[in-house]
């Protein structure tokens, strides 16, 4: 896991049809951590979106976090996973 102590702008974003242009734009604008916050999509779509987002984040040197699913985080190449109080156990 990368050192997050210097990170300041954390983006939580749901799946977007314009992710290919949106994500690079916000990263150029200063976002320095990105989380895919998506609970409603099927796992296959979340995984594909996560893989795509992780690859763009890697190009910018920005950590990518997957929401709720350690399994999808591993499969997508995410740098971490966010689990809430009502999600899976840490």
PDB file of N, CA and C in Angstrom:
ATOM      1  N   UNK A   1       0.841  -1.186   0.000  1.00  0.00           N
ATOM      2  CA  UNK A   1       0.000   0.000   0.000  1.00  0.00           C
ATOM      3  C   UNK A   1       0.879   1.241   0.000  1.00  0.00           C
ATOM      4  N   UNK A   2       0.588   2.168  -0.890  1.00  0.00           N
ATOM      5  CA  UNK A   2       1.390   3.388  -0.933  1.00  0.00           C
ATOM      6  C   UNK A   2       1.180   4.246   0.317  1.00  0.00           C
ATOM      7  N   UNK A   3       2.142   5.104   0.606  1.00  0.00           N
ATOM      8  CA  UNK A   3       2.025   6.051   1.709  1.00  0.00           C
ATOM      9  C   UNK A   3       0.949   7.077   1.347  1.00  0.00           C
ATOM     10  N   UNK A   4      -0.060   7.188   2.193  1.00  0.00           N
ATOM     11  CA  UNK A   4      -1.176   8.091   1.908  1.00  0.00           C
ATOM     12  C   UNK A   4      -1.114   9.383   2.710  1.00  0.00           C
ATOM     13  N   UNK A   5      -0.061   9.563   3.497  1.00  0.00           N
ATOM     14  CA  UNK A   5      -0.008  10.694   4.417  1.00  0.00           C
ATOM     15  C   UNK A   5       0.035  12.053   3.715  1.00  0.00           C
ATOM     16  N   UNK A   6       0.482  12.095   2.480  1.00  0.00           N
ATOM     17  CA  UNK A   6       0.548  13.383   1.786  1.00  0.00           C
ATOM     18  C   UNK A   6      -0.646  13.609   0.857  1.00  0.00           C
ATOM     19  N   UNK A   7      -1.546  12.657   0.813  1.00  0.00           N
ATOM     20  CA  UNK A   7      -2.711  12.776  -0.085  1.00  0.00           C
ATOM     21  C   UNK A   7      -3.730  13.726   0.525  1.00  0.00           C
ATOM     22  N   UNK A   8      -4.390  14.537  -0.325  1.00  0.00           N
ATOM     23  CA  UNK A   8      -5.300  15.563   0.180  1.00  0.00           C
ATOM     24  C   UNK A   8      -6.683  15.565  -0.447  1.00  0.00           C
ATOM     25  N   UNK A   9      -6.839  15.056  -1.661  1.00  0.00           N
ATOM     26  CA  UNK A   9      -8.135  15.154  -2.343  1.00  0.00           C
ATOM     27  C   UNK A   9      -8.595  13.764  -2.771  1.00  0.00           C
ATOM     28  N   UNK A  10      -9.606  13.255  -2.072  1.00  0.00           N
ATOM     29  CA  UNK A  10     -10.096  11.889  -2.220  1.00  0.00           C
ATOM     30  C   UNK A  10     -11.411  11.934  -2.982  1.00  0.00           C
ATOM     31  N   UNK A  11     -11.464  11.274  -4.114  1.00  0.00           N
ATOM     32  CA  UNK A  11     -12.669  11.235  -4.933  1.00  0.00           C
ATOM     33  C   UNK A  11     -13.381   9.905  -4.762  1.00  0.00           C
ATOM     34  N   UNK A  12     -14.658   9.954  -4.395  1.00  0.00           N
ATOM     35  CA  UNK A  12     -15.532   8.773  -4.422  1.00  0.00           C
ATOM     36  C   UNK A  12     -16.452   8.954  -5.618  1.00  0.00           C
ATOM     37  N   UNK A  13     -16.440   7.993  -6.521  1.00  0.00           N
ATOM     38  CA  UNK A  13     -17.220   8.144  -7.747  1.00  0.00           C
ATOM     39  C   UNK A  13     -17.884   6.821  -8.099  1.00  0.00           C
ATOM     40  N   UNK A  14     -19.124   6.923  -8.586  1.00  0.00           N
ATOM     41  CA  UNK A  14     -19.843   5.755  -9.098  1.00  0.00           C
ATOM     42  C   UNK A  14     -19.458   5.539 -10.558  1.00  0.00           C
ATOM     43  N   UNK A  15     -19.871   4.409 -11.093  1.00  0.00           N
ATOM     44  CA  UNK A  15     -19.650   4.107 -12.508  1.00  0.00           C
ATOM     45  C   UNK A  15     -20.213   5.241 -13.359  1.00  0.00           C
ATOM     46  N   UNK A  16     -19.451   5.655 -14.357  1.00  0.00           N
ATOM     47  CA  UNK A  16     -19.862   6.719 -15.276  1.00  0.00           C
ATOM     48  C   UNK A  16     -19.581   6.270 -16.700  1.00  0.00           C
ATOM     49  N   UNK A  17     -20.470   6.625 -17.601  1.00  0.00           N
ATOM     50  CA  UNK A  17     -20.253   6.285 -19.008  1.00  0.00           C
ATOM     51  C   UNK A  17     -19.084   7.059 -19.604  1.00  0.00           C
ATOM     52  N   UNK A  18     -18.759   8.212 -19.010  1.00  0.00           N
ATOM     53  CA  UNK A  18     -17.668   9.038 -19.523  1.00  0.00           C
ATOM     54  C   UNK A  18     -16.378   8.892 -18.712  1.00  0.00           C
ATOM     55  N   UNK A  19     -16.212   7.763 -18.043  1.00  0.00           N
ATOM     56  CA  UNK A  19     -15.058   7.567 -17.155  1.00  0.00           C
ATOM     57  C   UNK A  19     -13.720   7.753 -17.888  1.00  0.00           C
ATOM     58  N   UNK A  20     -13.671   7.390 -19.159  1.00  0.00           N
ATOM     59  CA  UNK A  20     -12.419   7.492 -19.917  1.00  0.00           C
ATOM     60  C   UNK A  20     -11.935   8.933 -20.051  1.00  0.00           C
ATOM     61  N   UNK A  21     -12.839   9.888 -20.035  1.00  0.00           N
ATOM     62  CA  UNK A  21     -12.437  11.299 -20.081  1.00  0.00           C
ATOM     63  C   UNK A  21     -12.514  11.948 -18.702  1.00  0.00           C
ATOM     64  N   UNK A  22     -13.502  11.536 -17.905  1.00  0.00           N
ATOM     65  CA  UNK A  22     -13.693  12.119 -16.574  1.00  0.00           C
ATOM     66  C   UNK A  22     -12.509  11.854 -15.648  1.00  0.00           C
ATOM     67  N   UNK A  23     -12.093  10.598 -15.553  1.00  0.00           N
ATOM     68  CA  UNK A  23     -11.058  10.238 -14.582  1.00  0.00           C
ATOM     69  C   UNK A  23      -9.724  10.927 -14.876  1.00  0.00           C
ATOM     70  N   UNK A  24      -9.206  10.894 -16.087  1.00  0.00           N
ATOM     71  CA  UNK A  24      -7.964  11.631 -16.328  1.00  0.00           C
ATOM     72  C   UNK A  24      -8.101  13.135 -16.045  1.00  0.00           C
ATOM     73  N   UNK A  25      -9.265  13.698 -16.325  1.00  0.00           N
ATOM     74  CA  UNK A  25      -9.467  15.132 -16.088  1.00  0.00           C
ATOM     75  C   UNK A  25      -9.381  15.462 -14.602  1.00  0.00           C
ATOM     76  N   UNK A  26     -10.026  14.659 -13.747  1.00  0.00           N
ATOM     77  CA  UNK A  26      -9.976  14.963 -12.309  1.00  0.00           C
ATOM     78  C   UNK A  26      -8.591  14.678 -11.736  1.00  0.00           C
ATOM     79  N   UNK A  27      -7.895  13.694 -12.290  1.00  0.00           N
ATOM     80  CA  UNK A  27      -6.536  13.419 -11.829  1.00  0.00           C
ATOM     81  C   UNK A  27      -5.598  14.559 -12.211  1.00  0.00           C
ATOM     82  N   UNK A  28      -5.747  15.077 -13.409  1.00  0.00           N
ATOM     83  CA  UNK A  28      -4.963  16.253 -13.801  1.00  0.00           C
ATOM     84  C   UNK A  28      -5.329  17.464 -12.940  1.00  0.00           C
ATOM     85  N   UNK A  29      -6.561  17.499 -12.463  1.00  0.00           N
ATOM     86  CA  UNK A  29      -7.033  18.608 -11.640  1.00  0.00           C
ATOM     87  C   UNK A  29      -6.615  18.534 -10.185  1.00  0.00           C
ATOM     88  N   UNK A  30      -5.972  17.429  -9.774  1.00  0.00           N
ATOM     89  CA  UNK A  30      -5.448  17.366  -8.422  1.00  0.00           C
ATOM     90  C   UNK A  30      -5.977  16.265  -7.524  1.00  0.00           C
ATOM     91  N   UNK A  31      -6.956  15.492  -7.979  1.00  0.00           N
ATOM     92  CA  UNK A  31      -7.412  14.355  -7.178  1.00  0.00           C
ATOM     93  C   UNK A  31      -6.238  13.413  -6.993  1.00  0.00           C
ATOM     94  N   UNK A  32      -6.001  12.974  -5.736  1.00  0.00           N
ATOM     95  CA  UNK A  32      -4.833  12.123  -5.512  1.00  0.00           C
ATOM     96  C   UNK A  32      -5.131  10.810  -4.792  1.00  0.00           C
ATOM     97  N   UNK A  33      -6.415  10.482  -4.654  1.00  0.00           N
ATOM     98  CA  UNK A  33      -6.874   9.135  -4.288  1.00  0.00           C
ATOM     99  C   UNK A  33      -8.242   8.973  -4.953  1.00  0.00           C
ATOM    100  N   UNK A  34      -8.512   7.798  -5.520  1.00  0.00           N
ATOM    101  CA  UNK A  34      -9.787   7.548  -6.192  1.00  0.00           C
ATOM    102  C   UNK A  34     -10.407   6.279  -5.630  1.00  0.00           C
ATOM    103  N   UNK A  35     -11.699   6.361  -5.329  1.00  0.00           N
ATOM    104  CA  UNK A  35     -12.451   5.192  -4.880  1.00  0.00           C
ATOM    105  C   UNK A  35     -13.644   4.968  -5.793  1.00  0.00           C
ATOM    106  N   UNK A  36     -13.789   3.748  -6.272  1.00  0.00           N
ATOM    107  CA  UNK A  36     -15.003   3.365  -6.983  1.00  0.00           C
ATOM    108  C   UNK A  36     -16.049   3.024  -5.926  1.00  0.00           C
ATOM    109  N   UNK A  37     -17.051   3.867  -5.798  1.00  0.00           N
ATOM    110  CA  UNK A  37     -18.113   3.673  -4.814  1.00  0.00           C
ATOM    111  C   UNK A  37     -19.348   3.252  -5.570  1.00  0.00           C
ATOM    112  N   UNK A  38     -19.516   1.961  -5.704  1.00  0.00           N
ATOM    113  CA  UNK A  38     -20.592   1.406  -6.519  1.00  0.00           C
ATOM    114  C   UNK A  38     -21.111   0.152  -5.856  1.00  0.00           C
ATOM    115  N   UNK A  39     -22.379   0.182  -5.450  1.00  0.00           N
ATOM    116  CA  UNK A  39     -22.962  -0.958  -4.753  1.00  0.00           C
ATOM    117  C   UNK A  39     -24.008  -1.697  -5.580  1.00  0.00           C
ATOM    118  N   UNK A  40     -24.510  -1.057  -6.622  1.00  0.00           N
ATOM    119  CA  UNK A  40     -25.680  -1.590  -7.323  1.00  0.00           C
ATOM    120  C   UNK A  40     -25.358  -2.399  -8.580  1.00  0.00           C
ATOM    121  N   UNK A  41     -24.207  -2.205  -9.165  1.00  0.00           N
ATOM    122  CA  UNK A  41     -23.880  -2.890 -10.412  1.00  0.00           C
ATOM    123  C   UNK A  41     -23.494  -4.344 -10.170  1.00  0.00           C
ATOM    124  N   UNK A  42     -23.706  -5.203 -11.151  1.00  0.00           N
ATOM    125  CA  UNK A  42     -23.224  -6.587 -11.045  1.00  0.00           C
ATOM    126  C   UNK A  42     -21.710  -6.612 -10.872  1.00  0.00           C
ATOM    127  N   UNK A  43     -21.220  -7.649 -10.209  1.00  0.00           N
ATOM    128  CA  UNK A  43     -19.783  -7.766  -9.953  1.00  0.00           C
ATOM    129  C   UNK A  43     -18.944  -7.693 -11.223  1.00  0.00           C
ATOM    130  N   UNK A  44     -19.432  -8.276 -12.312  1.00  0.00           N
ATOM    131  CA  UNK A  44     -18.653  -8.271 -13.562  1.00  0.00           C
ATOM    132  C   UNK A  44     -18.438  -6.848 -14.065  1.00  0.00           C
ATOM    133  N   UNK A  45     -19.440  -6.006 -13.935  1.00  0.00           N
ATOM    134  CA  UNK A  45     -19.325  -4.611 -14.374  1.00  0.00           C
ATOM    135  C   UNK A  45     -18.439  -3.836 -13.410  1.00  0.00           C
ATOM    136  N   UNK A  46     -18.592  -4.081 -12.114  1.00  0.00           N
ATOM    137  CA  UNK A  46     -17.736  -3.427 -11.122  1.00  0.00           C
ATOM    138  C   UNK A  46     -16.277  -3.813 -11.336  1.00  0.00           C
ATOM    139  N   UNK A  47     -16.035  -5.075 -11.644  1.00  0.00           N
ATOM    140  CA  UNK A  47     -14.671  -5.541 -11.878  1.00  0.00           C
ATOM    141  C   UNK A  47     -14.073  -4.878 -13.119  1.00  0.00           C
ATOM    142  N   UNK A  48     -14.818  -4.855 -14.202  1.00  0.00           N
ATOM    143  CA  UNK A  48     -14.322  -4.231 -15.431  1.00  0.00           C
ATOM    144  C   UNK A  48     -14.055  -2.741 -15.208  1.00  0.00           C
ATOM    145  N   UNK A  49     -14.965  -2.071 -14.527  1.00  0.00           N
ATOM    146  CA  UNK A  49     -14.788  -0.651 -14.236  1.00  0.00           C
ATOM    147  C   UNK A  49     -13.574  -0.449 -13.330  1.00  0.00           C
ATOM    148  N   UNK A  50     -13.448  -1.292 -12.319  1.00  0.00           N
ATOM    149  CA  UNK A  50     -12.313  -1.196 -11.408  1.00  0.00           C
ATOM    150  C   UNK A  50     -10.988  -1.414 -12.109  1.00  0.00           C
ATOM    151  N   UNK A  51     -10.916  -2.394 -12.978  1.00  0.00           N
ATOM    152  CA  UNK A  51      -9.676  -2.639 -13.726  1.00  0.00           C
ATOM    153  C   UNK A  51      -9.308  -1.436 -14.584  1.00  0.00           C
ATOM    154  N   UNK A  52     -10.310  -0.882 -15.240  1.00  0.00           N
ATOM    155  CA  UNK A  52     -10.083   0.281 -16.091  1.00  0.00           C
ATOM    156  C   UNK A  52      -9.599   1.465 -15.259  1.00  0.00           C
ATOM    157  N   UNK A  53     -10.285   1.724 -14.143  1.00  0.00           N
ATOM    158  CA  UNK A  53      -9.914   2.851 -13.287  1.00  0.00           C
ATOM    159  C   UNK A  53      -8.535   2.641 -12.670  1.00  0.00           C
ATOM    160  N   UNK A  54      -8.236   1.430 -12.246  1.00  0.00           N
ATOM    161  CA  UNK A  54      -6.928   1.138 -11.650  1.00  0.00           C
ATOM    162  C   UNK A  54      -5.813   1.403 -12.647  1.00  0.00           C
ATOM    163  N   UNK A  55      -6.033   1.054 -13.911  1.00  0.00           N
ATOM    164  CA  UNK A  55      -4.985   1.264 -14.911  1.00  0.00           C
ATOM    165  C   UNK A  55      -4.740   2.749 -15.146  1.00  0.00           C
ATOM    166  N   UNK A  56      -5.796   3.549 -15.186  1.00  0.00           N
ATOM    167  CA  UNK A  56      -5.627   4.994 -15.365  1.00  0.00           C
ATOM    168  C   UNK A  56      -4.950   5.593 -14.136  1.00  0.00           C
ATOM    169  N   UNK A  57      -5.397   5.183 -12.953  1.00  0.00           N
ATOM    170  CA  UNK A  57      -4.789   5.707 -11.723  1.00  0.00           C
ATOM    171  C   UNK A  57      -3.298   5.380 -11.664  1.00  0.00           C
ATOM    172  N   UNK A  58      -2.921   4.177 -12.078  1.00  0.00           N
ATOM    173  CA  UNK A  58      -1.504   3.801 -12.099  1.00  0.00           C
ATOM    174  C   UNK A  58      -0.696   4.738 -12.997  1.00  0.00           C
ATOM    175  N   UNK A  59      -1.260   5.084 -14.160  1.00  0.00           N
ATOM    176  CA  UNK A  59      -0.566   5.998 -15.078  1.00  0.00           C
ATOM    177  C   UNK A  59      -0.261   7.338 -14.413  1.00  0.00           C
ATOM    178  N   UNK A  60      -1.137   7.766 -13.498  1.00  0.00           N
ATOM    179  CA  UNK A  60      -0.982   9.048 -12.827  1.00  0.00           C
ATOM    180  C   UNK A  60      -0.296   8.924 -11.461  1.00  0.00           C
ATOM    181  N   UNK A  61       0.013   7.700 -11.055  1.00  0.00           N
ATOM    182  CA  UNK A  61       0.646   7.499  -9.753  1.00  0.00           C
ATOM    183  C   UNK A  61      -0.294   7.749  -8.583  1.00  0.00           C
ATOM    184  N   UNK A  62      -1.582   7.481  -8.804  1.00  0.00           N
ATOM    185  CA  UNK A  62      -2.620   7.749  -7.804  1.00  0.00           C
ATOM    186  C   UNK A  62      -3.200   6.428  -7.311  1.00  0.00           C
ATOM    187  N   UNK A  63      -3.308   6.232  -5.995  1.00  0.00           N
ATOM    188  CA  UNK A  63      -3.897   5.001  -5.470  1.00  0.00           C
ATOM    189  C   UNK A  63      -5.377   4.869  -5.849  1.00  0.00           C
ATOM    190  N   UNK A  64      -5.759   3.642  -6.156  1.00  0.00           N
ATOM    191  CA  UNK A  64      -7.151   3.318  -6.488  1.00  0.00           C
ATOM    192  C   UNK A  64      -7.709   2.389  -5.419  1.00  0.00           C
ATOM    193  N   UNK A  65      -8.895   2.711  -4.913  1.00  0.00           N
ATOM    194  CA  UNK A  65      -9.561   1.953  -3.856  1.00  0.00           C
ATOM    195  C   UNK A  65     -10.878   1.401  -4.392  1.00  0.00           C
ATOM    196  N   UNK A  66     -11.118   0.118  -4.164  1.00  0.00           N
ATOM    197  CA  UNK A  66     -12.387  -0.519  -4.531  1.00  0.00           C
ATOM    198  C   UNK A  66     -13.294  -0.515  -3.310  1.00  0.00           C
ATOM    199  N   UNK A  67     -14.560  -0.325  -3.518  1.00  0.00           N
ATOM    200  CA  UNK A  67     -15.515  -0.288  -2.421  1.00  0.00           C
ATOM    201  C   UNK A  67     -16.059  -1.682  -2.116  1.00  0.00           C
ATOM    202  N   UNK A  68     -16.125  -2.013  -0.836  1.00  0.00           N
ATOM    203  CA  UNK A  68     -16.896  -3.142  -0.290  1.00  0.00           C
ATOM    204  C   UNK A  68     -16.371  -4.552  -0.514  1.00  0.00           C
ATOM    205  N   UNK A  69     -15.616  -4.808  -1.542  1.00  0.00           N
ATOM    206  CA  UNK A  69     -15.289  -6.194  -1.887  1.00  0.00           C
ATOM    207  C   UNK A  69     -13.783  -6.434  -1.962  1.00  0.00           C
ATOM    208  N   UNK A  70     -13.219  -7.093  -0.945  1.00  0.00           N
ATOM    209  CA  UNK A  70     -11.793  -7.435  -1.018  1.00  0.00           C
ATOM    210  C   UNK A  70     -11.462  -8.296  -2.242  1.00  0.00           C
ATOM    211  N   UNK A  71     -12.378  -9.166  -2.626  1.00  0.00           N
ATOM    212  CA  UNK A  71     -12.140 -10.029  -3.775  1.00  0.00           C
ATOM    213  C   UNK A  71     -12.017  -9.215  -5.058  1.00  0.00           C
ATOM    214  N   UNK A  72     -12.955  -8.273  -5.258  1.00  0.00           N
ATOM    215  CA  UNK A  72     -12.898  -7.435  -6.453  1.00  0.00           C
ATOM    216  C   UNK A  72     -11.697  -6.499  -6.407  1.00  0.00           C
ATOM    217  N   UNK A  73     -11.316  -6.069  -5.225  1.00  0.00           N
ATOM    218  CA  UNK A  73     -10.127  -5.226  -5.087  1.00  0.00           C
ATOM    219  C   UNK A  73      -8.897  -5.980  -5.585  1.00  0.00           C
ATOM    220  N   UNK A  74      -8.751  -7.229  -5.163  1.00  0.00           N
ATOM    221  CA  UNK A  74      -7.615  -8.038  -5.619  1.00  0.00           C
ATOM    222  C   UNK A  74      -7.663  -8.270  -7.121  1.00  0.00           C
ATOM    223  N   UNK A  75      -8.833  -8.650  -7.620  1.00  0.00           N
ATOM    224  CA  UNK A  75      -8.963  -8.971  -9.043  1.00  0.00           C
ATOM    225  C   UNK A  75      -8.766  -7.750  -9.937  1.00  0.00           C
ATOM    226  N   UNK A  76      -9.132  -6.583  -9.442  1.00  0.00           N
ATOM    227  CA  UNK A  76      -9.046  -5.376 -10.262  1.00  0.00           C
ATOM    228  C   UNK A  76      -7.663  -4.740 -10.240  1.00  0.00           C
ATOM    229  N   UNK A  77      -6.825  -5.163  -9.302  1.00  0.00           N
ATOM    230  CA  UNK A  77      -5.514  -4.535  -9.161  1.00  0.00           C
ATOM    231  C   UNK A  77      -5.561  -3.278  -8.320  1.00  0.00           C
ATOM    232  N   UNK A  78      -6.597  -3.134  -7.507  1.00  0.00           N
ATOM    233  CA  UNK A  78      -6.735  -1.960  -6.647  1.00  0.00           C
ATOM    234  C   UNK A  78      -5.612  -1.917  -5.616  1.00  0.00           C
ATOM    235  N   UNK A  79      -5.324  -0.724  -5.140  1.00  0.00           N
ATOM    236  CA  UNK A  79      -4.316  -0.538  -4.103  1.00  0.00           C
ATOM    237  C   UNK A  79      -4.884  -0.772  -2.713  1.00  0.00           C
ATOM    238  N   UNK A  80      -6.201  -0.826  -2.611  1.00  0.00           N
ATOM    239  CA  UNK A  80      -6.836  -1.039  -1.309  1.00  0.00           C
ATOM    240  C   UNK A  80      -8.321  -1.242  -1.468  1.00  0.00           C
ATOM    241  N   UNK A  81      -8.972  -1.487  -0.342  1.00  0.00           N
ATOM    242  CA  UNK A  81     -10.425  -1.696  -0.332  1.00  0.00           C
ATOM    243  C   UNK A  81     -11.014  -0.904   0.825  1.00  0.00           C
ATOM    244  N   UNK A  82     -12.164  -0.303   0.586  1.00  0.00           N
ATOM    245  CA  UNK A  82     -12.894   0.394   1.632  1.00  0.00           C
ATOM    246  C   UNK A  82     -14.026  -0.515   2.098  1.00  0.00           C
ATOM    247  N   UNK A  83     -14.075  -0.796   3.390  1.00  0.00           N
ATOM    248  CA  UNK A  83     -15.185  -1.559   3.947  1.00  0.00           C
ATOM    249  C   UNK A  83     -15.827  -0.717   5.039  1.00  0.00           C
ATOM    250  N   UNK A  84     -17.130  -0.555   4.918  1.00  0.00           N
ATOM    251  CA  UNK A  84     -17.894   0.220   5.892  1.00  0.00           C
ATOM    252  C   UNK A  84     -18.350  -0.652   7.050  1.00  0.00           C
ATOM    253  N   UNK A  85     -18.996  -0.025   8.001  1.00  0.00           N
ATOM    254  CA  UNK A  85     -19.459  -0.726   9.207  1.00  0.00           C
ATOM    255  C   UNK A  85     -20.455  -1.828   8.902  1.00  0.00           C
ATOM    256  N   UNK A  86     -21.239  -1.668   7.838  1.00  0.00           N
ATOM    257  CA  UNK A  86     -22.247  -2.666   7.482  1.00  0.00           C
ATOM    258  C   UNK A  86     -21.811  -3.598   6.361  1.00  0.00           C
ATOM    259  N   UNK A  87     -20.540  -3.542   6.004  1.00  0.00           N
ATOM    260  CA  UNK A  87     -20.000  -4.374   4.938  1.00  0.00           C
ATOM    261  C   UNK A  87     -19.310  -5.605   5.542  1.00  0.00           C
ATOM    262  N   UNK A  88     -18.494  -6.263   4.742  1.00  0.00           N
ATOM    263  CA  UNK A  88     -17.796  -7.453   5.232  1.00  0.00           C
ATOM    264  C   UNK A  88     -16.888  -7.094   6.398  1.00  0.00           C
ATOM    265  N   UNK A  89     -16.585  -8.052   7.213  1.00  0.00           N
ATOM    266  CA  UNK A  89     -15.719  -7.850   8.355  1.00  0.00           C
ATOM    267  C   UNK A  89     -14.281  -7.585   7.914  1.00  0.00           C
ATOM    268  N   UNK A  90     -13.600  -6.699   8.632  1.00  0.00           N
ATOM    269  CA  UNK A  90     -12.204  -6.436   8.325  1.00  0.00           C
ATOM    270  C   UNK A  90     -11.392  -7.691   8.523  1.00  0.00           C
TER     271      UNK A  90
END
